[in-house]
Amino acid sequence: GMLEGWIGKVNSFSPTDVAEVERFMGELEGDMSLLSDENMVLKAFSEWPHRKVELLRECAARSKDTKEMVTSLDVASPHWRT
């Protein structure tokens, strides 16, 4: 099923840059959003790589936050906030 496939993908995922992490996590989060209760469903999969998924989520979130901060500090950007 879907989750078994993701277990293999996550375990073998070895990104070379943050953009790869962001793309990968976008795909994973898209599939995870189909679950009614992610935590309850994943408890049934003892081999689910919880720690690696959490680290990848953290990496993607920090990258997004950093990009937003850089944009907010760029006075030439149309997104400049005072």
N, C-alpha and C. Protein backbone atom coordinates (compact mmCIF):
# COMPACT_ATOMS: atom_id res chain seq x y z
N GLY A 1 0.80 -1.19 0.00
CA GLY A 1 0.00 0.00 0.00
C GLY A 1 0.84 1.26 0.00
N MET A 2 0.16 2.35 0.12
CA MET A 2 0.82 3.65 0.08
C MET A 2 1.88 3.79 1.17
N LEU A 3 1.54 3.42 2.39
CA LEU A 3 2.48 3.62 3.49
C LEU A 3 3.70 2.73 3.38
N GLU A 4 3.52 1.49 2.95
CA GLU A 4 4.67 0.62 2.75
C GLU A 4 5.63 1.21 1.73
N GLY A 5 5.06 1.77 0.67
CA GLY A 5 5.90 2.42 -0.35
C GLY A 5 6.67 3.60 0.22
N TRP A 6 6.00 4.38 1.06
CA TRP A 6 6.67 5.54 1.67
C TRP A 6 7.76 5.12 2.65
N ILE A 7 7.58 4.01 3.33
CA ILE A 7 8.61 3.54 4.26
C ILE A 7 9.92 3.34 3.51
N GLY A 8 9.84 2.66 2.37
CA GLY A 8 11.03 2.44 1.56
C GLY A 8 11.61 3.73 1.02
N LYS A 9 10.73 4.63 0.54
CA LYS A 9 11.20 5.90 -0.01
C LYS A 9 11.90 6.74 1.06
N VAL A 10 11.30 6.82 2.24
CA VAL A 10 11.89 7.62 3.31
C VAL A 10 13.23 7.02 3.74
N ASN A 11 13.26 5.72 3.95
CA ASN A 11 14.49 5.07 4.40
C ASN A 11 15.63 5.23 3.40
N SER A 12 15.32 5.24 2.12
CA SER A 12 16.38 5.35 1.11
C SER A 12 16.66 6.79 0.69
N PHE A 13 15.83 7.74 1.14
CA PHE A 13 15.99 9.13 0.73
C PHE A 13 17.28 9.71 1.29
N SER A 14 18.11 10.22 0.40
CA SER A 14 19.40 10.79 0.77
C SER A 14 19.60 12.07 -0.04
N PRO A 15 19.01 13.17 0.42
CA PRO A 15 19.04 14.41 -0.36
C PRO A 15 20.42 15.04 -0.42
N THR A 16 20.64 15.80 -1.49
CA THR A 16 21.90 16.52 -1.62
C THR A 16 21.72 18.02 -1.36
N ASP A 17 20.45 18.46 -1.30
CA ASP A 17 20.20 19.87 -0.98
C ASP A 17 18.81 20.04 -0.39
N VAL A 18 18.55 21.22 0.15
CA VAL A 18 17.28 21.49 0.83
C VAL A 18 16.12 21.47 -0.15
N ALA A 19 16.35 21.87 -1.39
CA ALA A 19 15.27 21.86 -2.38
C ALA A 19 14.72 20.44 -2.57
N GLU A 20 15.60 19.45 -2.54
CA GLU A 20 15.15 18.06 -2.65
C GLU A 20 14.28 17.68 -1.46
N VAL A 21 14.69 18.12 -0.27
CA VAL A 21 13.91 17.84 0.94
C VAL A 21 12.53 18.47 0.81
N GLU A 22 12.47 19.71 0.35
CA GLU A 22 11.19 20.41 0.22
C GLU A 22 10.27 19.68 -0.77
N ARG A 23 10.81 19.27 -1.91
CA ARG A 23 10.00 18.54 -2.90
C ARG A 23 9.50 17.21 -2.33
N PHE A 24 10.42 16.47 -1.73
CA PHE A 24 10.09 15.16 -1.16
C PHE A 24 9.01 15.30 -0.09
N MET A 25 9.18 16.27 0.81
CA MET A 25 8.22 16.44 1.89
C MET A 25 6.88 16.93 1.36
N GLY A 26 6.88 17.71 0.29
CA GLY A 26 5.62 18.13 -0.32
C GLY A 26 4.83 16.93 -0.80
N GLU A 27 5.52 15.98 -1.44
CA GLU A 27 4.86 14.76 -1.91
C GLU A 27 4.38 13.92 -0.73
N LEU A 28 5.25 13.75 0.27
CA LEU A 28 4.89 12.94 1.44
C LEU A 28 3.71 13.57 2.18
N GLU A 29 3.77 14.86 2.42
CA GLU A 29 2.69 15.53 3.14
C GLU A 29 1.38 15.46 2.36
N GLY A 30 1.47 15.51 1.04
CA GLY A 30 0.27 15.37 0.22
C GLY A 30 -0.40 14.03 0.44
N ASP A 31 0.39 12.97 0.47
CA ASP A 31 -0.18 11.64 0.71
C ASP A 31 -0.65 11.49 2.16
N MET A 32 0.11 12.04 3.09
CA MET A 32 -0.28 11.94 4.51
C MET A 32 -1.59 12.68 4.78
N SER A 33 -1.87 13.71 3.99
CA SER A 33 -3.11 14.47 4.19
C SER A 33 -4.34 13.63 3.84
N LEU A 34 -4.14 12.54 3.12
CA LEU A 34 -5.26 11.66 2.77
C LEU A 34 -5.69 10.78 3.94
N LEU A 35 -4.83 10.68 4.95
CA LEU A 35 -5.15 9.84 6.11
C LEU A 35 -6.10 10.59 7.04
N SER A 36 -7.04 9.87 7.61
CA SER A 36 -8.00 10.53 8.51
C SER A 36 -7.32 10.96 9.80
N ASP A 37 -6.39 10.15 10.32
CA ASP A 37 -5.66 10.48 11.54
C ASP A 37 -4.27 9.89 11.39
N GLU A 38 -3.34 10.72 10.94
CA GLU A 38 -1.99 10.25 10.62
C GLU A 38 -1.36 9.49 11.79
N ASN A 39 -1.40 10.05 12.98
CA ASN A 39 -0.75 9.42 14.13
C ASN A 39 -1.32 8.05 14.44
N MET A 40 -2.64 7.94 14.42
CA MET A 40 -3.27 6.65 14.71
C MET A 40 -2.94 5.61 13.64
N VAL A 41 -2.96 6.01 12.39
CA VAL A 41 -2.67 5.08 11.30
C VAL A 41 -1.22 4.62 11.37
N LEU A 42 -0.30 5.55 11.61
CA LEU A 42 1.12 5.20 11.61
C LEU A 42 1.51 4.31 12.79
N LYS A 43 0.73 4.34 13.86
CA LYS A 43 1.02 3.46 15.00
C LYS A 43 0.95 1.99 14.61
N ALA A 44 0.19 1.69 13.58
CA ALA A 44 0.07 0.31 13.12
C ALA A 44 1.28 -0.14 12.30
N PHE A 45 2.17 0.79 11.98
CA PHE A 45 3.35 0.48 11.17
C PHE A 45 4.60 0.67 12.02
N SER A 46 5.02 -0.41 12.68
CA SER A 46 6.16 -0.33 13.59
C SER A 46 7.45 0.06 12.87
N GLU A 47 7.52 -0.20 11.57
CA GLU A 47 8.74 0.12 10.81
C GLU A 47 8.73 1.55 10.25
N TRP A 48 7.66 2.31 10.52
CA TRP A 48 7.59 3.68 10.01
C TRP A 48 8.76 4.50 10.58
N PRO A 49 9.52 5.19 9.72
CA PRO A 49 10.70 5.94 10.17
C PRO A 49 10.32 7.30 10.78
N HIS A 50 9.68 7.26 11.95
CA HIS A 50 9.17 8.47 12.60
C HIS A 50 10.24 9.55 12.73
N ARG A 51 11.39 9.19 13.26
CA ARG A 51 12.44 10.19 13.53
C ARG A 51 12.93 10.86 12.24
N LYS A 52 13.15 10.08 11.20
CA LYS A 52 13.64 10.65 9.95
C LYS A 52 12.59 11.58 9.35
N VAL A 53 11.32 11.18 9.39
CA VAL A 53 10.26 12.03 8.85
C VAL A 53 10.19 13.35 9.64
N GLU A 54 10.31 13.28 10.95
CA GLU A 54 10.27 14.51 11.75
C GLU A 54 11.46 15.41 11.43
N LEU A 55 12.63 14.84 11.25
CA LEU A 55 13.80 15.64 10.90
C LEU A 55 13.64 16.30 9.52
N LEU A 56 13.08 15.55 8.57
CA LEU A 56 12.85 16.12 7.23
C LEU A 56 11.80 17.22 7.29
N ARG A 57 10.76 17.04 8.10
CA ARG A 57 9.74 18.08 8.27
C ARG A 57 10.36 19.34 8.86
N GLU A 58 11.20 19.15 9.86
CA GLU A 58 11.87 20.29 10.51
C GLU A 58 12.76 21.03 9.51
N CYS A 59 13.49 20.29 8.73
CA CYS A 59 14.37 20.90 7.72
C CYS A 59 13.57 21.72 6.72
N ALA A 60 12.49 21.15 6.20
CA ALA A 60 11.66 21.86 5.22
C ALA A 60 11.02 23.10 5.85
N ALA A 61 10.57 22.99 7.09
CA ALA A 61 9.95 24.14 7.76
C ALA A 61 10.95 25.26 8.01
N ARG A 62 12.15 24.90 8.45
CA ARG A 62 13.18 25.92 8.69
C ARG A 62 13.61 26.60 7.39
N SER A 63 13.67 25.84 6.32
CA SER A 63 14.02 26.42 5.03
C SER A 63 12.96 27.43 4.61
N LYS A 64 11.70 27.07 4.77
CA LYS A 64 10.60 27.98 4.42
C LYS A 64 10.67 29.24 5.27
N ASP A 65 10.87 29.08 6.57
CA ASP A 65 10.97 30.23 7.48
C ASP A 65 12.13 31.14 7.10
N THR A 66 13.26 30.54 6.75
CA THR A 66 14.44 31.32 6.37
C THR A 66 14.17 32.11 5.09
N LYS A 67 13.54 31.47 4.10
CA LYS A 67 13.23 32.17 2.85
C LYS A 67 12.28 33.34 3.10
N GLU A 68 11.29 33.13 3.97
CA GLU A 68 10.36 34.21 4.30
C GLU A 68 11.07 35.35 5.01
N MET A 69 12.00 35.02 5.90
CA MET A 69 12.74 36.05 6.62
C MET A 69 13.61 36.86 5.64
N VAL A 70 14.28 36.18 4.75
CA VAL A 70 15.12 36.86 3.76
C VAL A 70 14.27 37.79 2.90
N THR A 71 13.12 37.32 2.46
CA THR A 71 12.22 38.14 1.65
C THR A 71 11.75 39.36 2.43
N SER A 72 11.43 39.17 3.70
CA SER A 72 10.94 40.29 4.50
C SER A 72 12.02 41.32 4.77
N LEU A 73 13.29 40.93 4.68
CA LEU A 73 14.39 41.86 4.93
C LEU A 73 14.91 42.53 3.66
N ASP A 74 14.47 42.06 2.51
CA ASP A 74 14.93 42.59 1.24
C ASP A 74 14.12 43.84 0.90
N VAL A 75 14.73 45.02 1.08
CA VAL A 75 14.00 46.27 0.87
C VAL A 75 13.62 46.49 -0.59
N ALA A 76 14.26 45.77 -1.50
CA ALA A 76 13.92 45.89 -2.92
C ALA A 76 12.73 45.00 -3.28
N SER A 77 12.35 44.13 -2.39
CA SER A 77 11.27 43.20 -2.65
C SER A 77 9.91 43.90 -2.52
N PRO A 78 8.95 43.53 -3.36
CA PRO A 78 7.60 44.10 -3.22
C PRO A 78 6.92 43.62 -1.94
N HIS A 79 7.53 42.66 -1.27
CA HIS A 79 6.95 42.12 -0.04
C HIS A 79 7.52 42.83 1.20
N TRP A 80 8.25 43.89 1.00
CA TRP A 80 8.88 44.61 2.12
C TRP A 80 7.81 45.02 3.13
N ARG A 81 8.10 44.72 4.38
CA ARG A 81 7.17 45.07 5.46
C ARG A 81 7.87 46.02 6.42
N THR A 82 7.15 47.05 6.82
CA THR A 82 7.73 47.99 7.77
C THR A 82 7.14 47.79 9.13
